[in-house]
C-alpha atoms as a PDB file:
ATOM      1  CA  UNK A   1     -18.401  24.073  58.718  1.00  0.00           C
ATOM      2  CA  UNK A   2     -18.930  23.004  55.160  1.00  0.00           C
ATOM      3  CA  UNK A   3     -21.289  20.098  54.503  1.00  0.00           C
ATOM      4  CA  UNK A   4     -21.430  20.150  50.734  1.00  0.00           C
ATOM      5  CA  UNK A   5     -19.155  21.254  47.890  1.00  0.00           C
ATOM      6  CA  UNK A   6     -20.731  21.418  44.471  1.00  0.00           C
ATOM      7  CA  UNK A   7     -18.707  20.859  41.293  1.00  0.00           C
ATOM      8  CA  UNK A   8     -16.136  18.927  43.340  1.00  0.00           C
ATOM      9  CA  UNK A   9     -15.402  15.416  44.550  1.00  0.00           C
ATOM     10  CA  UNK A  10     -13.697  16.711  47.709  1.00  0.00           C
ATOM     11  CA  UNK A  11     -15.256  16.258  51.142  1.00  0.00           C
ATOM     12  CA  UNK A  12     -14.016  18.318  54.075  1.00  0.00           C
ATOM     13  CA  UNK A  13     -13.807  15.975  57.059  1.00  0.00           C
ATOM     14  CA  UNK A  14     -11.448  17.848  59.356  1.00  0.00           C
ATOM     15  CA  UNK A  15     -10.782  21.440  60.206  1.00  0.00           C
ATOM     16  CA  UNK A  16      -7.766  23.467  61.252  1.00  0.00           C
ATOM     17  CA  UNK A  17      -7.298  24.461  64.881  1.00  0.00           C
ATOM     18  CA  UNK A  18      -7.123  28.204  65.303  1.00  0.00           C
ATOM     19  CA  UNK A  19      -9.146  31.038  66.789  1.00  0.00           C
ATOM     20  CA  UNK A  20     -11.658  31.072  63.940  1.00  0.00           C
ATOM     21  CA  UNK A  21     -14.750  29.011  64.661  1.00  0.00           C
ATOM     22  CA  UNK A  22     -15.573  28.178  61.040  1.00  0.00           C
ATOM     23  CA  UNK A  23     -12.731  27.940  58.553  1.00  0.00           C
ATOM     24  CA  UNK A  24     -12.078  26.423  55.177  1.00  0.00           C
ATOM     25  CA  UNK A  25      -8.379  26.343  54.322  1.00  0.00           C
ATOM     26  CA  UNK A  26      -8.452  25.251  50.700  1.00  0.00           C
ATOM     27  CA  UNK A  27     -10.527  23.619  47.982  1.00  0.00           C
ATOM     28  CA  UNK A  28     -10.229  22.900  44.246  1.00  0.00           C
ATOM     29  CA  UNK A  29      -9.989  25.949  42.004  1.00  0.00           C
ATOM     30  CA  UNK A  30     -13.352  27.371  41.047  1.00  0.00           C
ATOM     31  CA  UNK A  31     -13.807  26.989  37.308  1.00  0.00           C
ATOM     32  CA  UNK A  32     -17.463  27.936  37.064  1.00  0.00           C
ATOM     33  CA  UNK A  33     -20.214  29.350  39.266  1.00  0.00           C
ATOM     34  CA  UNK A  34     -20.001  27.375  42.503  1.00  0.00           C
ATOM     35  CA  UNK A  35     -21.788  27.200  45.843  1.00  0.00           C
ATOM     36  CA  UNK A  36     -20.597  26.447  49.376  1.00  0.00           C
ATOM     37  CA  UNK A  37     -23.264  25.546  51.927  1.00  0.00           C
ATOM     38  CA  UNK A  38     -22.503  26.356  55.565  1.00  0.00           C
ATOM     39  CA  UNK A  39     -23.688  24.224  58.472  1.00  0.00           C
ATOM     40  CA  UNK A  40     -24.016  26.611  61.405  1.00  0.00           C
ATOM     41  CA  UNK A  41     -24.129  25.196  64.939  1.00  0.00           C
ATOM     42  CA  UNK A  42     -23.786  26.815  68.332  1.00  0.00           C
ATOM     43  CA  UNK A  43     -25.624  28.142  71.348  1.00  0.00           C
ATOM     44  CA  UNK A  44     -28.013  31.026  71.780  1.00  0.00           C
ATOM     45  CA  UNK A  45     -26.431  34.393  71.252  1.00  0.00           C
ATOM     46  CA  UNK A  46     -24.342  36.507  68.916  1.00  0.00           C
ATOM     47  CA  UNK A  47     -22.091  34.883  66.330  1.00  0.00           C
ATOM     48  CA  UNK A  48     -20.127  36.222  63.374  1.00  0.00           C
ATOM     49  CA  UNK A  49     -18.709  35.120  60.066  1.00  0.00           C
ATOM     50  CA  UNK A  50     -15.200  36.455  59.378  1.00  0.00           C
ATOM     51  CA  UNK A  51     -13.972  36.637  55.784  1.00  0.00           C
ATOM     52  CA  UNK A  52     -10.236  36.323  55.100  1.00  0.00           C
ATOM     53  CA  UNK A  53      -7.864  35.501  52.237  1.00  0.00           C
ATOM     54  CA  UNK A  54     -10.333  35.692  49.357  1.00  0.00           C
ATOM     55  CA  UNK A  55      -8.428  34.722  46.181  1.00  0.00           C
ATOM     56  CA  UNK A  56      -8.121  37.337  43.419  1.00  0.00           C
ATOM     57  CA  UNK A  57     -10.221  37.291  40.253  1.00  0.00           C
ATOM     58  CA  UNK A  58     -13.136  35.654  42.040  1.00  0.00           C
ATOM     59  CA  UNK A  59     -16.368  37.175  43.322  1.00  0.00           C
ATOM     60  CA  UNK A  60     -17.977  35.906  46.527  1.00  0.00           C
ATOM     61  CA  UNK A  61     -21.520  36.541  47.814  1.00  0.00           C
ATOM     62  CA  UNK A  62     -22.957  35.515  51.196  1.00  0.00           C
ATOM     63  CA  UNK A  63     -26.643  34.556  51.193  1.00  0.00           C
ATOM     64  CA  UNK A  64     -28.589  34.590  54.486  1.00  0.00           C
ATOM     65  CA  UNK A  65     -31.828  32.691  53.845  1.00  0.00           C
ATOM     66  CA  UNK A  66     -33.334  33.614  57.206  1.00  0.00           C
ATOM     67  CA  UNK A  67     -33.064  37.368  56.639  1.00  0.00           C
ATOM     68  CA  UNK A  68     -33.268  37.187  52.819  1.00  0.00           C
ATOM     69  CA  UNK A  69     -29.984  39.097  52.597  1.00  0.00           C
ATOM     70  CA  UNK A  70     -27.271  38.760  49.954  1.00  0.00           C
ATOM     71  CA  UNK A  71     -24.031  40.731  50.294  1.00  0.00           C
ATOM     72  CA  UNK A  72     -20.729  40.777  48.381  1.00  0.00           C
ATOM     73  CA  UNK A  73     -17.811  39.490  50.441  1.00  0.00           C
ATOM     74  CA  UNK A  74     -14.406  41.133  50.828  1.00  0.00           C
ATOM     75  CA  UNK A  75     -11.316  40.473  52.944  1.00  0.00           C
ATOM     76  CA  UNK A  76     -11.698  41.198  56.680  1.00  0.00           C
ATOM     77  CA  UNK A  77     -15.460  41.624  56.385  1.00  0.00           C
ATOM     78  CA  UNK A  78     -17.392  40.524  59.476  1.00  0.00           C
ATOM     79  CA  UNK A  79     -21.023  39.437  59.270  1.00  0.00           C
ATOM     80  CA  UNK A  80     -22.758  39.309  62.679  1.00  0.00           C
ATOM     81  CA  UNK A  81     -25.795  37.096  63.222  1.00  0.00           C
ATOM     82  CA  UNK A  82     -27.890  35.627  66.013  1.00  0.00           C
ATOM     83  CA  UNK A  83     -28.579  31.975  66.847  1.00  0.00           C
ATOM     84  CA  UNK A  84     -31.828  31.159  68.611  1.00  0.00           C
ATOM     85  CA  UNK A  85     -32.152  27.459  69.367  1.00  0.00           C
ATOM     86  CA  UNK A  86     -35.933  27.909  69.536  1.00  0.00           C
ATOM     87  CA  UNK A  87     -35.888  29.043  65.871  1.00  0.00           C
ATOM     88  CA  UNK A  88     -34.574  26.313  63.559  1.00  0.00           C
ATOM     89  CA  UNK A  89     -34.209  28.824  60.714  1.00  0.00           C
ATOM     90  CA  UNK A  90     -31.425  30.609  62.630  1.00  0.00           C
ATOM     91  CA  UNK A  91     -28.973  27.695  62.423  1.00  0.00           C
ATOM     92  CA  UNK A  92     -28.327  24.417  60.633  1.00  0.00           C
ATOM     93  CA  UNK A  93     -27.563  23.580  57.016  1.00  0.00           C
ATOM     94  CA  UNK A  94     -30.075  25.829  55.267  1.00  0.00           C
ATOM     95  CA  UNK A  95     -29.392  29.324  56.597  1.00  0.00           C
ATOM     96  CA  UNK A  96     -26.142  30.344  54.889  1.00  0.00           C
ATOM     97  CA  UNK A  97     -24.442  29.624  51.622  1.00  0.00           C
ATOM     98  CA  UNK A  98     -21.675  31.329  49.673  1.00  0.00           C
ATOM     99  CA  UNK A  99     -21.939  31.820  45.916  1.00  0.00           C
ATOM    100  CA  UNK A 100     -18.647  32.025  44.021  1.00  0.00           C
ATOM    101  CA  UNK A 101     -18.370  33.366  40.500  1.00  0.00           C
ATOM    102  CA  UNK A 102     -15.638  34.068  37.974  1.00  0.00           C
ATOM    103  CA  UNK A 103     -17.641  37.108  36.865  1.00  0.00           C
ATOM    104  CA  UNK A 104     -18.663  40.247  38.705  1.00  0.00           C
ATOM    105  CA  UNK A 105     -22.288  39.664  37.702  1.00  0.00           C
ATOM    106  CA  UNK A 106     -23.899  36.340  38.577  1.00  0.00           C
ATOM    107  CA  UNK A 107     -26.441  34.772  36.253  1.00  0.00           C
ATOM    108  CA  UNK A 108     -29.965  34.200  37.486  1.00  0.00           C
ATOM    109  CA  UNK A 109     -30.321  30.749  39.066  1.00  0.00           C
ATOM    110  CA  UNK A 110     -33.222  29.072  37.257  1.00  0.00           C
ATOM    111  CA  UNK A 111     -34.586  26.220  39.383  1.00  0.00           C
ATOM    112  CA  UNK A 112     -37.429  25.102  37.124  1.00  0.00           C
ATOM    113  CA  UNK A 113     -39.000  26.019  33.790  1.00  0.00           C
ATOM    114  CA  UNK A 114     -42.133  24.360  32.395  1.00  0.00           C
ATOM    115  CA  UNK A 115     -44.697  24.918  29.643  1.00  0.00           C
ATOM    116  CA  UNK A 116     -48.231  23.506  29.798  1.00  0.00           C
ATOM    117  CA  UNK A 117     -51.407  23.841  27.759  1.00  0.00           C
ATOM    118  CA  UNK A 118     -54.195  25.584  29.654  1.00  0.00           C
ATOM    119  CA  UNK A 119     -56.591  24.845  26.771  1.00  0.00           C
ATOM    120  CA  UNK A 120     -56.418  24.685  22.976  1.00  0.00           C
ATOM    121  CA  UNK A 121     -55.967  28.480  22.785  1.00  0.00           C
ATOM    122  CA  UNK A 122     -53.451  29.195  25.571  1.00  0.00           C
ATOM    123  CA  UNK A 123     -50.054  27.953  26.690  1.00  0.00           C
ATOM    124  CA  UNK A 124     -48.777  28.797  30.149  1.00  0.00           C
ATOM    125  CA  UNK A 125     -45.093  29.201  30.984  1.00  0.00           C
ATOM    126  CA  UNK A 126     -43.988  28.866  34.614  1.00  0.00           C
ATOM    127  CA  UNK A 127     -40.482  29.259  35.977  1.00  0.00           C
ATOM    128  CA  UNK A 128     -38.822  29.542  39.380  1.00  0.00           C
ATOM    129  CA  UNK A 129     -35.628  31.328  40.423  1.00  0.00           C
ATOM    130  CA  UNK A 130     -33.801  31.023  43.736  1.00  0.00           C
ATOM    131  CA  UNK A 131     -31.115  33.672  43.204  1.00  0.00           C
ATOM    132  CA  UNK A 132     -31.142  36.870  41.154  1.00  0.00           C
ATOM    133  CA  UNK A 133     -28.488  39.561  40.832  1.00  0.00           C
ATOM    134  CA  UNK A 134     -29.240  42.639  38.702  1.00  0.00           C
ATOM    135  CA  UNK A 135     -32.076  40.825  36.932  1.00  0.00           C
ATOM    136  CA  UNK A 136     -33.916  43.367  34.775  1.00  0.00           C
ATOM    137  CA  UNK A 137     -36.415  41.238  32.822  1.00  0.00           C
ATOM    138  CA  UNK A 138     -37.186  38.022  30.946  1.00  0.00           C
ATOM    139  CA  UNK A 139     -38.145  37.910  27.285  1.00  0.00           C
ATOM    140  CA  UNK A 140     -40.398  35.029  26.275  1.00  0.00           C
ATOM    141  CA  UNK A 141     -39.386  33.619  22.906  1.00  0.00           C
ATOM    142  CA  UNK A 142     -41.470  31.272  20.731  1.00  0.00           C
ATOM    143  CA  UNK A 143     -40.535  29.109  17.751  1.00  0.00           C
ATOM    144  CA  UNK A 144     -42.384  26.759  15.418  1.00  0.00           C
ATOM    145  CA  UNK A 145     -39.270  24.942  14.205  1.00  0.00           C
ATOM    146  CA  UNK A 146     -37.002  24.957  17.289  1.00  0.00           C
ATOM    147  CA  UNK A 147     -34.410  27.156  15.569  1.00  0.00           C
ATOM    148  CA  UNK A 148     -35.929  30.532  14.683  1.00  0.00           C
ATOM    149  CA  UNK A 149     -37.353  32.274  17.737  1.00  0.00           C
ATOM    150  CA  UNK A 150     -39.398  35.458  18.052  1.00  0.00           C
ATOM    151  CA  UNK A 151     -40.129  37.530  21.134  1.00  0.00           C
ATOM    152  CA  UNK A 152     -43.779  37.232  22.194  1.00  0.00           C
ATOM    153  CA  UNK A 153     -43.700  38.785  25.663  1.00  0.00           C
ATOM    154  CA  UNK A 154     -41.722  40.227  28.539  1.00  0.00           C
ATOM    155  CA  UNK A 155     -41.855  39.725  32.325  1.00  0.00           C
ATOM    156  CA  UNK A 156     -40.136  42.084  34.762  1.00  0.00           C
ATOM    157  CA  UNK A 157     -37.398  40.608  36.970  1.00  0.00           C
ATOM    158  CA  UNK A 158     -36.810  41.234  40.670  1.00  0.00           C
ATOM    159  CA  UNK A 159     -33.405  42.891  40.588  1.00  0.00           C
ATOM    160  CA  UNK A 160     -31.233  41.282  43.263  1.00  0.00           C
ATOM    161  CA  UNK A 161     -32.774  38.803  45.680  1.00  0.00           C
ATOM    162  CA  UNK A 162     -32.098  35.445  47.333  1.00  0.00           C
ATOM    163  CA  UNK A 163     -35.809  34.670  47.719  1.00  0.00           C
ATOM    164  CA  UNK A 164     -37.552  31.979  45.680  1.00  0.00           C
ATOM    165  CA  UNK A 165     -39.528  33.817  43.000  1.00  0.00           C
ATOM    166  CA  UNK A 166     -42.321  32.259  40.916  1.00  0.00           C
ATOM    167  CA  UNK A 167     -42.981  33.658  37.437  1.00  0.00           C
ATOM    168  CA  UNK A 168     -45.672  32.913  34.870  1.00  0.00           C
ATOM    169  CA  UNK A 169     -46.715  34.036  31.406  1.00  0.00           C
ATOM    170  CA  UNK A 170     -49.739  33.034  29.302  1.00  0.00           C
ATOM    171  CA  UNK A 171     -49.293  32.932  25.532  1.00  0.00           C
ATOM    172  CA  UNK A 172     -52.231  33.110  23.113  1.00  0.00           C
ATOM    173  CA  UNK A 173     -51.764  30.316  20.570  1.00  0.00           C
ATOM    174  CA  UNK A 174     -55.265  30.302  19.034  1.00  0.00           C
ATOM    175  CA  UNK A 175     -53.922  31.275  15.591  1.00  0.00           C
ATOM    176  CA  UNK A 176     -50.878  28.969  15.664  1.00  0.00           C
ATOM    177  CA  UNK A 177     -50.901  26.328  12.920  1.00  0.00           C
ATOM    178  CA  UNK A 178     -48.279  23.849  14.087  1.00  0.00           C
ATOM    179  CA  UNK A 179     -48.039  20.492  15.821  1.00  0.00           C
ATOM    180  CA  UNK A 180     -45.224  21.568  18.164  1.00  0.00           C
ATOM    181  CA  UNK A 181     -44.438  24.949  19.738  1.00  0.00           C
ATOM    182  CA  UNK A 182     -41.042  25.676  21.291  1.00  0.00           C
ATOM    183  CA  UNK A 183     -40.364  28.211  24.045  1.00  0.00           C
ATOM    184  CA  UNK A 184     -37.309  29.607  25.790  1.00  0.00           C
ATOM    185  CA  UNK A 185     -36.511  32.464  28.188  1.00  0.00           C
ATOM    186  CA  UNK A 186     -33.974  35.177  27.477  1.00  0.00           C
ATOM    187  CA  UNK A 187     -32.928  36.769  30.773  1.00  0.00           C
ATOM    188  CA  UNK A 188     -31.446  40.293  30.698  1.00  0.00           C
ATOM    189  CA  UNK A 189     -29.400  42.069  33.382  1.00  0.00           C
ATOM    190  CA  UNK A 190     -29.541  45.827  33.910  1.00  0.00           C
ATOM    191  CA  UNK A 191     -26.264  46.194  31.986  1.00  0.00           C
ATOM    192  CA  UNK A 192     -27.772  44.526  28.906  1.00  0.00           C
ATOM    193  CA  UNK A 193     -26.023  41.149  29.240  1.00  0.00           C
ATOM    194  CA  UNK A 194     -28.297  38.187  28.640  1.00  0.00           C
ATOM    195  CA  UNK A 195     -28.529  34.418  29.065  1.00  0.00           C
ATOM    196  CA  UNK A 196     -30.796  31.890  27.337  1.00  0.00           C
ATOM    197  CA  UNK A 197     -32.697  29.165  29.176  1.00  0.00           C
ATOM    198  CA  UNK A 198     -33.131  25.574  27.969  1.00  0.00           C
ATOM    199  CA  UNK A 199     -35.838  25.089  25.342  1.00  0.00           C
ATOM    200  CA  UNK A 200     -39.218  23.632  26.294  1.00  0.00           C
ATOM    201  CA  UNK A 201     -41.798  22.252  23.833  1.00  0.00           C
ATOM    202  CA  UNK A 202     -45.503  21.419  23.828  1.00  0.00           C
ATOM    203  CA  UNK A 203     -47.099  18.972  21.403  1.00  0.00           C
ATOM    204  CA  UNK A 204     -50.468  20.221  20.166  1.00  0.00           C
ATOM    205  CA  UNK A 205     -51.301  17.206  18.034  1.00  0.00           C
ATOM    206  CA  UNK A 206     -50.882  14.739  20.894  1.00  0.00           C
ATOM    207  CA  UNK A 207     -53.164  16.429  23.427  1.00  0.00           C
ATOM    208  CA  UNK A 208     -56.151  14.341  24.547  1.00  0.00           C
ATOM    209  CA  UNK A 209     -59.246  16.544  24.327  1.00  0.00           C
ATOM    210  CA  UNK A 210     -62.997  16.194  24.529  1.00  0.00           C
ATOM    211  CA  UNK A 211     -65.477  18.253  22.509  1.00  0.00           C
ATOM    212  CA  UNK A 212     -65.033  21.218  24.812  1.00  0.00           C
ATOM    213  CA  UNK A 213     -61.254  21.185  24.277  1.00  0.00           C
ATOM    214  CA  UNK A 214     -60.400  20.117  27.801  1.00  0.00           C
ATOM    215  CA  UNK A 215     -57.647  17.657  28.725  1.00  0.00           C
ATOM    216  CA  UNK A 216     -58.651  14.141  29.684  1.00  0.00           C
ATOM    217  CA  UNK A 217     -56.646  14.422  32.895  1.00  0.00           C
ATOM    218  CA  UNK A 218     -55.777  17.745  34.466  1.00  0.00           C
ATOM    219  CA  UNK A 219     -54.220  19.192  37.612  1.00  0.00           C
ATOM    220  CA  UNK A 220     -55.641  22.324  39.170  1.00  0.00           C
ATOM    221  CA  UNK A 221     -53.884  24.410  40.304  1.00  0.00           C
ATOM    222  CA  UNK A 222     -50.762  23.953  38.203  1.00  0.00           C
ATOM    223  CA  UNK A 223     -48.084  25.022  39.260  1.00  0.00           C
ATOM    224  CA  UNK A 224     -48.568  23.214  42.569  1.00  0.00           C
ATOM    225  CA  UNK A 225     -47.531  24.720  45.908  1.00  0.00           C
ATOM    226  CA  UNK A 226     -48.765  21.968  48.237  1.00  0.00           C
ATOM    227  CA  UNK A 227     -52.148  20.462  47.295  1.00  0.00           C
ATOM    228  CA  UNK A 228     -53.818  20.145  43.912  1.00  0.00           C
ATOM    229  CA  UNK A 229     -56.832  18.354  42.442  1.00  0.00           C
ATOM    230  CA  UNK A 230     -56.598  15.643  39.806  1.00  0.00           C
ATOM    231  CA  UNK A 231     -59.609  16.031  37.539  1.00  0.00           C
ATOM    232  CA  UNK A 232     -60.923  13.398  35.101  1.00  0.00           C
ATOM    233  CA  UNK A 233     -63.594  13.750  32.442  1.00  0.00           C
ATOM    234  CA  UNK A 234     -66.010  11.065  31.176  1.00  0.00           C
ATOM    235  CA  UNK A 235     -63.479   9.479  28.814  1.00  0.00           C
ATOM    236  CA  UNK A 236     -62.031   7.468  31.703  1.00  0.00           C
ATOM    237  CA  UNK A 237     -64.541   4.858  32.891  1.00  0.00           C
ATOM    238  CA  UNK A 238     -62.417   2.399  34.865  1.00  0.00           C
ATOM    239  CA  UNK A 239     -60.132   2.457  37.884  1.00  0.00           C
ATOM    240  CA  UNK A 240     -56.892   4.311  37.266  1.00  0.00           C
ATOM    241  CA  UNK A 241     -53.324   3.871  38.500  1.00  0.00           C
ATOM    242  CA  UNK A 242     -51.654   7.275  38.843  1.00  0.00           C
ATOM    243  CA  UNK A 243     -47.860   7.471  38.740  1.00  0.00           C
ATOM    244  CA  UNK A 244     -45.744  10.574  39.352  1.00  0.00           C
ATOM    245  CA  UNK A 245     -42.273  10.752  37.823  1.00  0.00           C
ATOM    246  CA  UNK A 246     -39.517  13.289  38.303  1.00  0.00           C
ATOM    247  CA  UNK A 247     -38.150  15.091  35.245  1.00  0.00           C
ATOM    248  CA  UNK A 248     -35.282  12.556  35.276  1.00  0.00           C
ATOM    249  CA  UNK A 249     -37.762   9.651  35.075  1.00  0.00           C
ATOM    250  CA  UNK A 250     -37.613   8.572  38.735  1.00  0.00           C
ATOM    251  CA  UNK A 251     -40.899   7.148  40.050  1.00  0.00           C
ATOM    252  CA  UNK A 252     -41.781   9.088  43.214  1.00  0.00           C
ATOM    253  CA  UNK A 253     -45.398   8.117  43.950  1.00  0.00           C
ATOM    254  CA  UNK A 254     -48.128   5.643  42.923  1.00  0.00           C
ATOM    255  CA  UNK A 255     -51.844   6.167  43.715  1.00  0.00           C
ATOM    256  CA  UNK A 256     -54.974   4.119  42.895  1.00  0.00           C
ATOM    257  CA  UNK A 257     -58.103   6.174  42.143  1.00  0.00           C
ATOM    258  CA  UNK A 258     -61.575   5.569  40.737  1.00  0.00           C
ATOM    259  CA  UNK A 259     -62.781   8.435  38.493  1.00  0.00           C
ATOM    260  CA  UNK A 260     -66.345   7.062  38.493  1.00  0.00           C
ATOM    261  CA  UNK A 261     -66.740   7.619  42.241  1.00  0.00           C
ATOM    262  CA  UNK A 262     -64.132  10.351  42.648  1.00  0.00           C
ATOM    263  CA  UNK A 263     -63.761  12.438  39.439  1.00  0.00           C
ATOM    264  CA  UNK A 264     -61.851  15.161  41.326  1.00  0.00           C
ATOM    265  CA  UNK A 265     -59.170  13.640  43.553  1.00  0.00           C
ATOM    266  CA  UNK A 266     -57.038  15.769  45.922  1.00  0.00           C
ATOM    267  CA  UNK A 267     -53.289  15.157  45.846  1.00  0.00           C
ATOM    268  CA  UNK A 268     -50.978  16.317  48.620  1.00  0.00           C
ATOM    269  CA  UNK A 269     -47.645  17.019  46.884  1.00  0.00           C
ATOM    270  CA  UNK A 270     -46.095  19.183  49.596  1.00  0.00           C
ATOM    271  CA  UNK A 271     -43.285  16.654  50.142  1.00  0.00           C
ATOM    272  CA  UNK A 272     -42.027  16.960  46.558  1.00  0.00           C
ATOM    273  CA  UNK A 273     -39.011  19.159  45.880  1.00  0.00           C
ATOM    274  CA  UNK A 274     -39.239  22.154  43.564  1.00  0.00           C
ATOM    275  CA  UNK A 275     -39.066  21.090  39.942  1.00  0.00           C
ATOM    276  CA  UNK A 276     -40.812  19.617  36.941  1.00  0.00           C
ATOM    277  CA  UNK A 277     -42.824  16.365  37.173  1.00  0.00           C
ATOM    278  CA  UNK A 278     -44.864  14.102  34.912  1.00  0.00           C
ATOM    279  CA  UNK A 279     -48.179  12.599  36.050  1.00  0.00           C
ATOM    280  CA  UNK A 280     -49.222   9.447  34.220  1.00  0.00           C
ATOM    281  CA  UNK A 281     -52.670   7.842  34.511  1.00  0.00           C
ATOM    282  CA  UNK A 282     -53.314   4.296  33.188  1.00  0.00           C
ATOM    283  CA  UNK A 283     -56.811   2.832  33.186  1.00  0.00           C
ATOM    284  CA  UNK A 284     -57.820  -0.857  33.317  1.00  0.00           C
ATOM    285  CA  UNK A 285     -57.884  -0.998  29.495  1.00  0.00           C
ATOM    286  CA  UNK A 286     -54.229   0.087  29.435  1.00  0.00           C
ATOM    287  CA  UNK A 287     -55.093   3.509  28.029  1.00  0.00           C
ATOM    288  CA  UNK A 288     -52.443   5.994  29.095  1.00  0.00           C
ATOM    289  CA  UNK A 289     -52.919   9.716  29.769  1.00  0.00           C
ATOM    290  CA  UNK A 290     -50.276  12.115  31.037  1.00  0.00           C
ATOM    291  CA  UNK A 291     -49.711  15.728  31.945  1.00  0.00           C
ATOM    292  CA  UNK A 292     -46.805  17.772  33.254  1.00  0.00           C
ATOM    293  CA  UNK A 293     -46.820  19.948  36.343  1.00  0.00           C
ATOM    294  CA  UNK A 294     -44.468  22.289  38.134  1.00  0.00           C
ATOM    295  CA  UNK A 295     -43.956  21.926  41.894  1.00  0.00           C
ATOM    296  CA  UNK A 296     -43.057  25.254  43.519  1.00  0.00           C
END
């Protein structure tokens, strides 16, 4: 019962009639890492997924989000599972998905990667993965020109897992003499193969600071799990309109606050999806302040 096919413009609207409860007869050829999400419905009791006719030269993995299990699939494999209608995690669109790869080893699925200034001496890198296979470690690489990178740290990976994993690394930049610092991740598998992340940059010259070196507007904690506090310092003396944008520039929320009466305002961001966001604050004098945050 497939409800979504990535990397494809095909929608499955009808199913074959045979003895198999859930079947997918055909789909476009997989040309890159692909994902099939399964919509599981039924009554209380034992169910099973039966695997048949896997094409050659492809590698299939079944992910069970409820049990945090990920197994390689092969022909005639049967995966038993239980549906409990009282437990919404045991059925529906979010329990199972199948990952398809042209390679025996899947890359790590990087959901989000962000870099923020903690203060004038430290930069914090945060990233989130939702799938890891044979992930040994991440190297943190830094550059002052965006082309020549050096390794400044290492964070251990979690091997193979389908859980959402949050990572962080704090880099000491007190001695850095540059306006912009570039960062990227270099992820290594146990066999030595590696993959580079997109590059992220922080602008040191454009950071609004007071005499203590603190940002004019700041979120704490950042990354954000559900709730965070929006903190203002004395530079903002009028009412402020706060806008939150997605990384793609989509406006997702607008809030009116008064820093004079409420210098530390609580934001409930639990409804936001995992990813990178930009918070923009504009006061009555049209002064604009912004900061980035990562929603986990």
